[in-house]
């Protein structure tokens, strides 16, 4: 459980940092579009390493497209994936366990 807790905290802070890097192109006039072309595949690769399985692959593809599409850099995809993984998905799994429990 401790390792999961460590990954949870690490992924939250890393995700916030990576979302900030992705949004930085808005604040640097002139090189924003060029930096997005470089950042899109890097961010997608990082996403697939942070979150394993189909969810990570799907999030990586979404992150790639989000970084390439003009105006969508504002979406915090790493933070959204963190909430999906550690809040919504865990709540759904806990509900299944409670529904199965005969007591």
PDB file of N, CA and C in Angstrom:
ATOM      1  N   UNK A   1       0.820  -1.195   0.000  1.00  0.00           N
ATOM      2  CA  UNK A   1       0.000   0.000   0.000  1.00  0.00           C
ATOM      3  C   UNK A   1       0.863   1.259   0.000  1.00  0.00           C
ATOM      4  N   UNK A   2       2.016   1.192   0.652  1.00  0.00           N
ATOM      5  CA  UNK A   2       2.895   2.346   0.725  1.00  0.00           C
ATOM      6  C   UNK A   2       3.401   2.751  -0.659  1.00  0.00           C
ATOM      7  N   UNK A   3       3.753   1.746  -1.492  1.00  0.00           N
ATOM      8  CA  UNK A   3       4.233   2.037  -2.840  1.00  0.00           C
ATOM      9  C   UNK A   3       3.139   2.704  -3.662  1.00  0.00           C
ATOM     10  N   UNK A   4       1.896   2.239  -3.516  1.00  0.00           N
ATOM     11  CA  UNK A   4       0.781   2.856  -4.241  1.00  0.00           C
ATOM     12  C   UNK A   4       0.600   4.296  -3.799  1.00  0.00           C
ATOM     13  N   UNK A   5       0.720   4.545  -2.504  1.00  0.00           N
ATOM     14  CA  UNK A   5       0.586   5.901  -1.964  1.00  0.00           C
ATOM     15  C   UNK A   5       1.694   6.793  -2.514  1.00  0.00           C
ATOM     16  N   UNK A   6       2.937   6.251  -2.570  1.00  0.00           N
ATOM     17  CA  UNK A   6       4.056   7.014  -3.116  1.00  0.00           C
ATOM     18  C   UNK A   6       3.827   7.359  -4.580  1.00  0.00           C
ATOM     19  N   UNK A   7       3.372   6.379  -5.375  1.00  0.00           N
ATOM     20  CA  UNK A   7       3.091   6.637  -6.790  1.00  0.00           C
ATOM     21  C   UNK A   7       1.967   7.638  -6.949  1.00  0.00           C
ATOM     22  N   UNK A   8       0.987   7.568  -6.094  1.00  0.00           N
ATOM     23  CA  UNK A   8      -0.146   8.482  -6.168  1.00  0.00           C
ATOM     24  C   UNK A   8       0.319   9.919  -5.976  1.00  0.00           C
ATOM     25  N   UNK A   9       1.103  10.158  -4.951  1.00  0.00           N
ATOM     26  CA  UNK A   9       1.600  11.509  -4.678  1.00  0.00           C
ATOM     27  C   UNK A   9       2.574  11.955  -5.758  1.00  0.00           C
ATOM     28  N   UNK A  10       3.485  11.058  -6.135  1.00  0.00           N
ATOM     29  CA  UNK A  10       4.459  11.390  -7.182  1.00  0.00           C
ATOM     30  C   UNK A  10       3.755  11.740  -8.488  1.00  0.00           C
ATOM     31  N   UNK A  11       2.775  10.929  -8.877  1.00  0.00           N
ATOM     32  CA  UNK A  11       2.058  11.172 -10.128  1.00  0.00           C
ATOM     33  C   UNK A  11       1.264  12.470 -10.095  1.00  0.00           C
ATOM     34  N   UNK A  12       0.736  12.831  -8.938  1.00  0.00           N
ATOM     35  CA  UNK A  12       0.004  14.101  -8.837  1.00  0.00           C
ATOM     36  C   UNK A  12       0.941  15.274  -9.080  1.00  0.00           C
ATOM     37  N   UNK A  13       2.054  15.326  -8.359  1.00  0.00           N
ATOM     38  CA  UNK A  13       2.979  16.450  -8.517  1.00  0.00           C
ATOM     39  C   UNK A  13       3.631  16.464  -9.891  1.00  0.00           C
ATOM     40  N   UNK A  14       4.000  15.297 -10.395  1.00  0.00           N
ATOM     41  CA  UNK A  14       4.579  15.217 -11.730  1.00  0.00           C
ATOM     42  C   UNK A  14       3.559  15.640 -12.789  1.00  0.00           C
ATOM     43  N   UNK A  15       2.309  15.217 -12.621  1.00  0.00           N
ATOM     44  CA  UNK A  15       1.254  15.596 -13.558  1.00  0.00           C
ATOM     45  C   UNK A  15       1.001  17.098 -13.569  1.00  0.00           C
ATOM     46  N   UNK A  16       0.986  17.710 -12.391  1.00  0.00           N
ATOM     47  CA  UNK A  16       0.804  19.163 -12.319  1.00  0.00           C
ATOM     48  C   UNK A  16       1.957  19.890 -13.007  1.00  0.00           C
ATOM     49  N   UNK A  17       3.169  19.405 -12.790  1.00  0.00           N
ATOM     50  CA  UNK A  17       4.336  20.004 -13.433  1.00  0.00           C
ATOM     51  C   UNK A  17       4.268  19.846 -14.948  1.00  0.00           C
ATOM     52  N   UNK A  18       3.922  18.656 -15.420  1.00  0.00           N
ATOM     53  CA  UNK A  18       3.851  18.410 -16.862  1.00  0.00           C
ATOM     54  C   UNK A  18       2.715  19.192 -17.520  1.00  0.00           C
ATOM     55  N   UNK A  19       1.604  19.353 -16.821  1.00  0.00           N
ATOM     56  CA  UNK A  19       0.526  20.202 -17.344  1.00  0.00           C
ATOM     57  C   UNK A  19       0.997  21.649 -17.467  1.00  0.00           C
ATOM     58  N   UNK A  20       1.770  22.109 -16.498  1.00  0.00           N
ATOM     59  CA  UNK A  20       2.310  23.470 -16.555  1.00  0.00           C
ATOM     60  C   UNK A  20       3.268  23.636 -17.732  1.00  0.00           C
ATOM     61  N   UNK A  21       4.076  22.628 -17.993  1.00  0.00           N
ATOM     62  CA  UNK A  21       4.990  22.665 -19.140  1.00  0.00           C
ATOM     63  C   UNK A  21       4.184  22.734 -20.439  1.00  0.00           C
ATOM     64  N   UNK A  22       3.130  21.949 -20.527  1.00  0.00           N
ATOM     65  CA  UNK A  22       2.296  21.956 -21.727  1.00  0.00           C
ATOM     66  C   UNK A  22       1.589  23.280 -21.958  1.00  0.00           C
ATOM     67  N   UNK A  23       1.230  23.955 -20.876  1.00  0.00           N
ATOM     68  CA  UNK A  23       0.557  25.254 -20.988  1.00  0.00           C
ATOM     69  C   UNK A  23       1.539  26.401 -21.201  1.00  0.00           C
ATOM     70  N   UNK A  24       2.813  26.155 -21.013  1.00  0.00           N
ATOM     71  CA  UNK A  24       3.818  27.215 -21.111  1.00  0.00           C
ATOM     72  C   UNK A  24       3.892  27.828 -22.502  1.00  0.00           C
ATOM     73  N   UNK A  25       3.501  27.084 -23.516  1.00  0.00           N
ATOM     74  CA  UNK A  25       3.570  27.622 -24.876  1.00  0.00           C
ATOM     75  C   UNK A  25       2.665  28.840 -25.051  1.00  0.00           C
ATOM     76  N   UNK A  26       1.645  28.970 -24.216  1.00  0.00           N
ATOM     77  CA  UNK A  26       0.790  30.157 -24.276  1.00  0.00           C
ATOM     78  C   UNK A  26       1.527  31.407 -23.818  1.00  0.00           C
ATOM     79  N   UNK A  27       2.511  31.227 -22.975  1.00  0.00           N
ATOM     80  CA  UNK A  27       3.184  32.363 -22.367  1.00  0.00           C
ATOM     81  C   UNK A  27       4.462  32.766 -23.095  1.00  0.00           C
ATOM     82  N   UNK A  28       4.853  31.999 -24.097  1.00  0.00           N
ATOM     83  CA  UNK A  28       6.063  32.312 -24.860  1.00  0.00           C
ATOM     84  C   UNK A  28       5.646  32.646 -26.295  1.00  0.00           C
ATOM     85  N   UNK A  29       5.462  33.923 -26.586  1.00  0.00           N
ATOM     86  CA  UNK A  29       5.015  34.309 -27.932  1.00  0.00           C
ATOM     87  C   UNK A  29       6.041  33.925 -29.002  1.00  0.00           C
ATOM     88  N   UNK A  30       5.544  33.501 -30.131  1.00  0.00           N
ATOM     89  CA  UNK A  30       6.396  33.196 -31.271  1.00  0.00           C
ATOM     90  C   UNK A  30       6.855  31.756 -31.375  1.00  0.00           C
ATOM     91  N   UNK A  31       7.103  31.109 -30.257  1.00  0.00           N
ATOM     92  CA  UNK A  31       7.580  29.728 -30.339  1.00  0.00           C
ATOM     93  C   UNK A  31       6.550  28.731 -29.832  1.00  0.00           C
ATOM     94  N   UNK A  32       5.361  29.205 -29.530  1.00  0.00           N
ATOM     95  CA  UNK A  32       4.317  28.340 -28.979  1.00  0.00           C
ATOM     96  C   UNK A  32       3.971  27.157 -29.853  1.00  0.00           C
ATOM     97  N   UNK A  33       3.689  27.407 -31.123  1.00  0.00           N
ATOM     98  CA  UNK A  33       3.297  26.324 -32.030  1.00  0.00           C
ATOM     99  C   UNK A  33       4.455  25.359 -32.257  1.00  0.00           C
ATOM    100  N   UNK A  34       5.647  25.870 -32.391  1.00  0.00           N
ATOM    101  CA  UNK A  34       6.817  25.013 -32.596  1.00  0.00           C
ATOM    102  C   UNK A  34       7.068  24.135 -31.378  1.00  0.00           C
ATOM    103  N   UNK A  35       6.932  24.711 -30.194  1.00  0.00           N
ATOM    104  CA  UNK A  35       7.171  23.924 -28.980  1.00  0.00           C
ATOM    105  C   UNK A  35       6.112  22.836 -28.813  1.00  0.00           C
ATOM    106  N   UNK A  36       4.894  23.099 -29.263  1.00  0.00           N
ATOM    107  CA  UNK A  36       3.839  22.084 -29.186  1.00  0.00           C
ATOM    108  C   UNK A  36       4.147  20.875 -30.065  1.00  0.00           C
ATOM    109  N   UNK A  37       4.760  21.110 -31.216  1.00  0.00           N
ATOM    110  CA  UNK A  37       5.111  20.009 -32.112  1.00  0.00           C
ATOM    111  C   UNK A  37       6.150  19.104 -31.449  1.00  0.00           C
ATOM    112  N   UNK A  38       7.042  19.683 -30.690  1.00  0.00           N
ATOM    113  CA  UNK A  38       8.053  18.906 -29.982  1.00  0.00           C
ATOM    114  C   UNK A  38       7.470  18.276 -28.727  1.00  0.00           C
ATOM    115  N   UNK A  39       6.637  19.029 -28.006  1.00  0.00           N
ATOM    116  CA  UNK A  39       6.120  18.569 -26.717  1.00  0.00           C
ATOM    117  C   UNK A  39       5.059  17.473 -26.859  1.00  0.00           C
ATOM    118  N   UNK A  40       4.284  17.457 -27.931  1.00  0.00           N
ATOM    119  CA  UNK A  40       3.186  16.499 -28.092  1.00  0.00           C
ATOM    120  C   UNK A  40       3.655  15.037 -27.996  1.00  0.00           C
ATOM    121  N   UNK A  41       4.636  14.601 -28.761  1.00  0.00           N
ATOM    122  CA  UNK A  41       5.045  13.194 -28.629  1.00  0.00           C
ATOM    123  C   UNK A  41       5.740  12.893 -27.302  1.00  0.00           C
ATOM    124  N   UNK A  42       6.453  13.865 -26.775  1.00  0.00           N
ATOM    125  CA  UNK A  42       7.128  13.659 -25.485  1.00  0.00           C
ATOM    126  C   UNK A  42       6.095  13.458 -24.379  1.00  0.00           C
ATOM    127  N   UNK A  43       5.079  14.321 -24.358  1.00  0.00           N
ATOM    128  CA  UNK A  43       4.055  14.218 -23.318  1.00  0.00           C
ATOM    129  C   UNK A  43       3.247  12.927 -23.451  1.00  0.00           C
ATOM    130  N   UNK A  44       2.979  12.510 -24.679  1.00  0.00           N
ATOM    131  CA  UNK A  44       2.247  11.252 -24.889  1.00  0.00           C
ATOM    132  C   UNK A  44       3.069  10.072 -24.386  1.00  0.00           C
ATOM    133  N   UNK A  45       4.360  10.071 -24.656  1.00  0.00           N
ATOM    134  CA  UNK A  45       5.236   8.993 -24.200  1.00  0.00           C
ATOM    135  C   UNK A  45       5.293   8.955 -22.671  1.00  0.00           C
ATOM    136  N   UNK A  46       5.426  10.127 -22.050  1.00  0.00           N
ATOM    137  CA  UNK A  46       5.464  10.198 -20.586  1.00  0.00           C
ATOM    138  C   UNK A  46       4.155   9.677 -19.988  1.00  0.00           C
ATOM    139  N   UNK A  47       3.036  10.033 -20.591  1.00  0.00           N
ATOM    140  CA  UNK A  47       1.731   9.590 -20.098  1.00  0.00           C
ATOM    141  C   UNK A  47       1.639   8.065 -20.118  1.00  0.00           C
ATOM    142  N   UNK A  48       2.120   7.447 -21.188  1.00  0.00           N
ATOM    143  CA  UNK A  48       2.048   5.979 -21.266  1.00  0.00           C
ATOM    144  C   UNK A  48       2.984   5.307 -20.267  1.00  0.00           C
ATOM    145  N   UNK A  49       4.027   5.995 -19.836  1.00  0.00           N
ATOM    146  CA  UNK A  49       4.936   5.445 -18.830  1.00  0.00           C
ATOM    147  C   UNK A  49       4.388   5.642 -17.416  1.00  0.00           C
ATOM    148  N   UNK A  50       3.693   6.724 -17.197  1.00  0.00           N
ATOM    149  CA  UNK A  50       3.138   7.000 -15.865  1.00  0.00           C
ATOM    150  C   UNK A  50       1.947   6.111 -15.562  1.00  0.00           C
ATOM    151  N   UNK A  51       1.113   5.841 -16.576  1.00  0.00           N
ATOM    152  CA  UNK A  51      -0.110   5.059 -16.392  1.00  0.00           C
ATOM    153  C   UNK A  51      -0.080   3.893 -17.371  1.00  0.00           C
ATOM    154  N   UNK A  52      -0.024   2.700 -16.856  1.00  0.00           N
ATOM    155  CA  UNK A  52       0.124   1.493 -17.679  1.00  0.00           C
ATOM    156  C   UNK A  52      -1.225   1.019 -18.238  1.00  0.00           C
ATOM    157  N   UNK A  53      -1.158   0.129 -19.193  1.00  0.00           N
ATOM    158  CA  UNK A  53      -2.344  -0.507 -19.745  1.00  0.00           C
ATOM    159  C   UNK A  53      -3.061   0.328 -20.782  1.00  0.00           C
ATOM    160  N   UNK A  54      -4.296  -0.104 -21.065  1.00  0.00           N
ATOM    161  CA  UNK A  54      -5.098   0.574 -22.083  1.00  0.00           C
ATOM    162  C   UNK A  54      -5.437   2.010 -21.686  1.00  0.00           C
ATOM    163  N   UNK A  55      -5.665   2.225 -20.394  1.00  0.00           N
ATOM    164  CA  UNK A  55      -5.980   3.579 -19.934  1.00  0.00           C
ATOM    165  C   UNK A  55      -4.809   4.522 -20.218  1.00  0.00           C
ATOM    166  N   UNK A  56      -3.593   4.071 -19.974  1.00  0.00           N
ATOM    167  CA  UNK A  56      -2.414   4.886 -20.243  1.00  0.00           C
ATOM    168  C   UNK A  56      -2.207   5.133 -21.722  1.00  0.00           C
ATOM    169  N   UNK A  57      -2.451   4.115 -22.538  1.00  0.00           N
ATOM    170  CA  UNK A  57      -2.312   4.269 -23.987  1.00  0.00           C
ATOM    171  C   UNK A  57      -3.355   5.244 -24.536  1.00  0.00           C
ATOM    172  N   UNK A  58      -4.571   5.115 -24.041  1.00  0.00           N
ATOM    173  CA  UNK A  58      -5.632   6.023 -24.478  1.00  0.00           C
ATOM    174  C   UNK A  58      -5.324   7.448 -24.048  1.00  0.00           C
ATOM    175  N   UNK A  59      -4.897   7.611 -22.800  1.00  0.00           N
ATOM    176  CA  UNK A  59      -4.550   8.940 -22.300  1.00  0.00           C
ATOM    177  C   UNK A  59      -3.370   9.520 -23.070  1.00  0.00           C
ATOM    178  N   UNK A  60      -2.410   8.675 -23.452  1.00  0.00           N
ATOM    179  CA  UNK A  60      -1.286   9.142 -24.251  1.00  0.00           C
ATOM    180  C   UNK A  60      -1.733   9.667 -25.613  1.00  0.00           C
ATOM    181  N   UNK A  61      -2.645   8.957 -26.250  1.00  0.00           N
ATOM    182  CA  UNK A  61      -3.165   9.406 -27.549  1.00  0.00           C
ATOM    183  C   UNK A  61      -3.935  10.714 -27.404  1.00  0.00           C
ATOM    184  N   UNK A  62      -4.730  10.811 -26.357  1.00  0.00           N
ATOM    185  CA  UNK A  62      -5.488  12.044 -26.122  1.00  0.00           C
ATOM    186  C   UNK A  62      -4.546  13.204 -25.837  1.00  0.00           C
ATOM    187  N   UNK A  63      -3.515  12.951 -25.045  1.00  0.00           N
ATOM    188  CA  UNK A  63      -2.533  13.985 -24.734  1.00  0.00           C
ATOM    189  C   UNK A  63      -1.821  14.446 -25.998  1.00  0.00           C
ATOM    190  N   UNK A  64      -1.449  13.507 -26.846  1.00  0.00           N
ATOM    191  CA  UNK A  64      -0.787  13.844 -28.107  1.00  0.00           C
ATOM    192  C   UNK A  64      -1.664  14.769 -28.950  1.00  0.00           C
ATOM    193  N   UNK A  65      -2.915  14.383 -29.136  1.00  0.00           N
ATOM    194  CA  UNK A  65      -3.833  15.198 -29.936  1.00  0.00           C
ATOM    195  C   UNK A  65      -4.114  16.546 -29.282  1.00  0.00           C
ATOM    196  N   UNK A  66      -4.264  16.544 -27.969  1.00  0.00           N
ATOM    197  CA  UNK A  66      -4.552  17.788 -27.244  1.00  0.00           C
ATOM    198  C   UNK A  66      -3.415  18.789 -27.394  1.00  0.00           C
ATOM    199  N   UNK A  67      -2.192  18.311 -27.375  1.00  0.00           N
ATOM    200  CA  UNK A  67      -1.046  19.217 -27.519  1.00  0.00           C
ATOM    201  C   UNK A  67      -0.896  19.729 -28.940  1.00  0.00           C
ATOM    202  N   UNK A  68      -1.304  18.937 -29.922  1.00  0.00           N
ATOM    203  CA  UNK A  68      -1.190  19.374 -31.316  1.00  0.00           C
ATOM    204  C   UNK A  68      -2.309  20.317 -31.744  1.00  0.00           C
ATOM    205  N   UNK A  69      -3.484  20.178 -31.155  1.00  0.00           N
ATOM    206  CA  UNK A  69      -4.627  20.996 -31.554  1.00  0.00           C
ATOM    207  C   UNK A  69      -4.493  22.409 -30.976  1.00  0.00           C
ATOM    208  N   UNK A  70      -4.615  23.407 -31.816  1.00  0.00           N
ATOM    209  CA  UNK A  70      -4.508  24.786 -31.321  1.00  0.00           C
ATOM    210  C   UNK A  70      -5.622  25.110 -30.319  1.00  0.00           C
ATOM    211  N   UNK A  71      -5.253  25.749 -29.244  1.00  0.00           N
ATOM    212  CA  UNK A  71      -6.231  26.195 -28.256  1.00  0.00           C
ATOM    213  C   UNK A  71      -6.575  25.182 -27.183  1.00  0.00           C
ATOM    214  N   UNK A  72      -6.142  23.936 -27.330  1.00  0.00           N
ATOM    215  CA  UNK A  72      -6.481  22.922 -26.341  1.00  0.00           C
ATOM    216  C   UNK A  72      -5.392  22.696 -25.294  1.00  0.00           C
ATOM    217  N   UNK A  73      -4.295  23.432 -25.398  1.00  0.00           N
ATOM    218  CA  UNK A  73      -3.205  23.270 -24.436  1.00  0.00           C
ATOM    219  C   UNK A  73      -3.635  23.569 -23.002  1.00  0.00           C
ATOM    220  N   UNK A  74      -4.693  24.262 -22.852  1.00  0.00           N
ATOM    221  CA  UNK A  74      -5.166  24.666 -21.526  1.00  0.00           C
ATOM    222  C   UNK A  74      -5.721  23.474 -20.734  1.00  0.00           C
ATOM    223  N   UNK A  75      -6.076  22.380 -21.422  1.00  0.00           N
ATOM    224  CA  UNK A  75      -6.620  21.204 -20.734  1.00  0.00           C
ATOM    225  C   UNK A  75      -5.539  20.488 -19.940  1.00  0.00           C
ATOM    226  N   UNK A  76      -5.746  20.259 -18.659  1.00  0.00           N
ATOM    227  CA  UNK A  76      -4.743  19.580 -17.837  1.00  0.00           C
ATOM    228  C   UNK A  76      -4.896  18.055 -17.920  1.00  0.00           C
ATOM    229  N   UNK A  77      -4.471  17.469 -19.029  1.00  0.00           N
ATOM    230  CA  UNK A  77      -4.711  16.049 -19.262  1.00  0.00           C
ATOM    231  C   UNK A  77      -4.019  15.143 -18.241  1.00  0.00           C
ATOM    232  N   UNK A  78      -2.835  15.513 -17.785  1.00  0.00           N
ATOM    233  CA  UNK A  78      -2.155  14.687 -16.780  1.00  0.00           C
ATOM    234  C   UNK A  78      -2.934  14.690 -15.464  1.00  0.00           C
ATOM    235  N   UNK A  79      -3.449  15.845 -15.089  1.00  0.00           N
ATOM    236  CA  UNK A  79      -4.221  15.945 -13.849  1.00  0.00           C
ATOM    237  C   UNK A  79      -5.555  15.227 -13.986  1.00  0.00           C
ATOM    238  N   UNK A  80      -6.189  15.333 -15.129  1.00  0.00           N
ATOM    239  CA  UNK A  80      -7.449  14.616 -15.374  1.00  0.00           C
ATOM    240  C   UNK A  80      -7.216  13.107 -15.285  1.00  0.00           C
ATOM    241  N   UNK A  81      -6.113  12.629 -15.855  1.00  0.00           N
ATOM    242  CA  UNK A  81      -5.801  11.200 -15.790  1.00  0.00           C
ATOM    243  C   UNK A  81      -5.523  10.773 -14.354  1.00  0.00           C
ATOM    244  N   UNK A  82      -4.880  11.629 -13.569  1.00  0.00           N
ATOM    245  CA  UNK A  82      -4.634  11.306 -12.168  1.00  0.00           C
ATOM    246  C   UNK A  82      -5.962  11.133 -11.433  1.00  0.00           C
ATOM    247  N   UNK A  83      -6.900  12.065 -11.640  1.00  0.00           N
ATOM    248  CA  UNK A  83      -8.213  11.944 -11.000  1.00  0.00           C
ATOM    249  C   UNK A  83      -8.928  10.681 -11.459  1.00  0.00           C
ATOM    250  N   UNK A  84      -8.863  10.377 -12.754  1.00  0.00           N
ATOM    251  CA  UNK A  84      -9.496   9.155 -13.259  1.00  0.00           C
ATOM    252  C   UNK A  84      -8.907   7.921 -12.577  1.00  0.00           C
ATOM    253  N   UNK A  85      -7.589   7.860 -12.487  1.00  0.00           N
ATOM    254  CA  UNK A  85      -6.903   6.680 -11.954  1.00  0.00           C
ATOM    255  C   UNK A  85      -7.088   6.516 -10.456  1.00  0.00           C
ATOM    256  N   UNK A  86      -6.918   7.601  -9.702  1.00  0.00           N
ATOM    257  CA  UNK A  86      -6.853   7.484  -8.247  1.00  0.00           C
ATOM    258  C   UNK A  86      -8.131   7.881  -7.513  1.00  0.00           C
ATOM    259  N   UNK A  87      -9.051   8.542  -8.179  1.00  0.00           N
ATOM    260  CA  UNK A  87     -10.284   8.953  -7.510  1.00  0.00           C
ATOM    261  C   UNK A  87     -11.482   8.202  -8.096  1.00  0.00           C
ATOM    262  N   UNK A  88     -11.764   8.418  -9.371  1.00  0.00           N
ATOM    263  CA  UNK A  88     -12.970   7.850  -9.967  1.00  0.00           C
ATOM    264  C   UNK A  88     -12.883   6.340 -10.144  1.00  0.00           C
ATOM    265  N   UNK A  89     -11.756   5.846 -10.645  1.00  0.00           N
ATOM    266  CA  UNK A  89     -11.597   4.415 -10.877  1.00  0.00           C
ATOM    267  C   UNK A  89     -11.580   3.644  -9.556  1.00  0.00           C
ATOM    268  N   UNK A  90     -10.905   4.183  -8.536  1.00  0.00           N
ATOM    269  CA  UNK A  90     -10.876   3.534  -7.224  1.00  0.00           C
ATOM    270  C   UNK A  90     -12.253   3.517  -6.578  1.00  0.00           C
ATOM    271  N   UNK A  91     -13.010   4.593  -6.727  1.00  0.00           N
ATOM    272  CA  UNK A  91     -14.363   4.638  -6.159  1.00  0.00           C
ATOM    273  C   UNK A  91     -15.249   3.602  -6.844  1.00  0.00           C
ATOM    274  N   UNK A  92     -15.089   3.445  -8.140  1.00  0.00           N
ATOM    275  CA  UNK A  92     -15.869   2.465  -8.891  1.00  0.00           C
ATOM    276  C   UNK A  92     -15.521   1.046  -8.442  1.00  0.00           C
ATOM    277  N   UNK A  93     -14.228   0.771  -8.229  1.00  0.00           N
ATOM    278  CA  UNK A  93     -13.799  -0.554  -7.780  1.00  0.00           C
ATOM    279  C   UNK A  93     -14.304  -0.837  -6.370  1.00  0.00           C
ATOM    280  N   UNK A  94     -14.267   0.146  -5.499  1.00  0.00           N
ATOM    281  CA  UNK A  94     -14.753  -0.039  -4.132  1.00  0.00           C
ATOM    282  C   UNK A  94     -16.248  -0.320  -4.134  1.00  0.00           C
ATOM    283  N   UNK A  95     -16.992   0.336  -5.018  1.00  0.00           N
ATOM    284  CA  UNK A  95     -18.433   0.104  -5.112  1.00  0.00           C
ATOM    285  C   UNK A  95     -18.700  -1.335  -5.542  1.00  0.00           C
ATOM    286  N   UNK A  96     -17.917  -1.860  -6.480  1.00  0.00           N
ATOM    287  CA  UNK A  96     -18.078  -3.249  -6.912  1.00  0.00           C
ATOM    288  C   UNK A  96     -17.826  -4.210  -5.757  1.00  0.00           C
ATOM    289  N   UNK A  97     -16.808  -3.938  -4.976  1.00  0.00           N
ATOM    290  CA  UNK A  97     -16.488  -4.799  -3.837  1.00  0.00           C
ATOM    291  C   UNK A  97     -17.620  -4.772  -2.822  1.00  0.00           C
ATOM    292  N   UNK A  98     -18.171  -3.621  -2.563  1.00  0.00           N
ATOM    293  CA  UNK A  98     -19.282  -3.497  -1.601  1.00  0.00           C
ATOM    294  C   UNK A  98     -20.519  -4.221  -2.127  1.00  0.00           C
ATOM    295  N   UNK A  99     -20.799  -4.113  -3.429  1.00  0.00           N
ATOM    296  CA  UNK A  99     -21.967  -4.781  -4.013  1.00  0.00           C
ATOM    297  C   UNK A  99     -21.838  -6.316  -3.947  1.00  0.00           C
ATOM    298  N   UNK A 100     -20.625  -6.819  -4.065  1.00  0.00           N
ATOM    299  CA  UNK A 100     -20.404  -8.265  -4.043  1.00  0.00           C
ATOM    300  C   UNK A 100     -20.451  -8.813  -2.631  1.00  0.00           C
ATOM    301  N   UNK A 101     -20.047  -8.029  -1.661  1.00  0.00           N
ATOM    302  CA  UNK A 101     -19.990  -8.480  -0.254  1.00  0.00           C
ATOM    303  C   UNK A 101     -21.386  -8.884   0.230  1.00  0.00           C
ATOM    304  N   UNK A 102     -21.572 -10.142   0.705  1.00  0.00           N
ATOM    305  CA  UNK A 102     -22.900 -10.616   1.092  1.00  0.00           C
ATOM    306  C   UNK A 102     -23.405 -10.031   2.423  1.00  0.00           C
ATOM    307  N   UNK A 103     -22.537  -9.402   3.201  1.00  0.00           N
ATOM    308  CA  UNK A 103     -22.993  -8.870   4.501  1.00  0.00           C
ATOM    309  C   UNK A 103     -23.831  -7.636   4.360  1.00  0.00           C
TER     310      UNK A 103
END
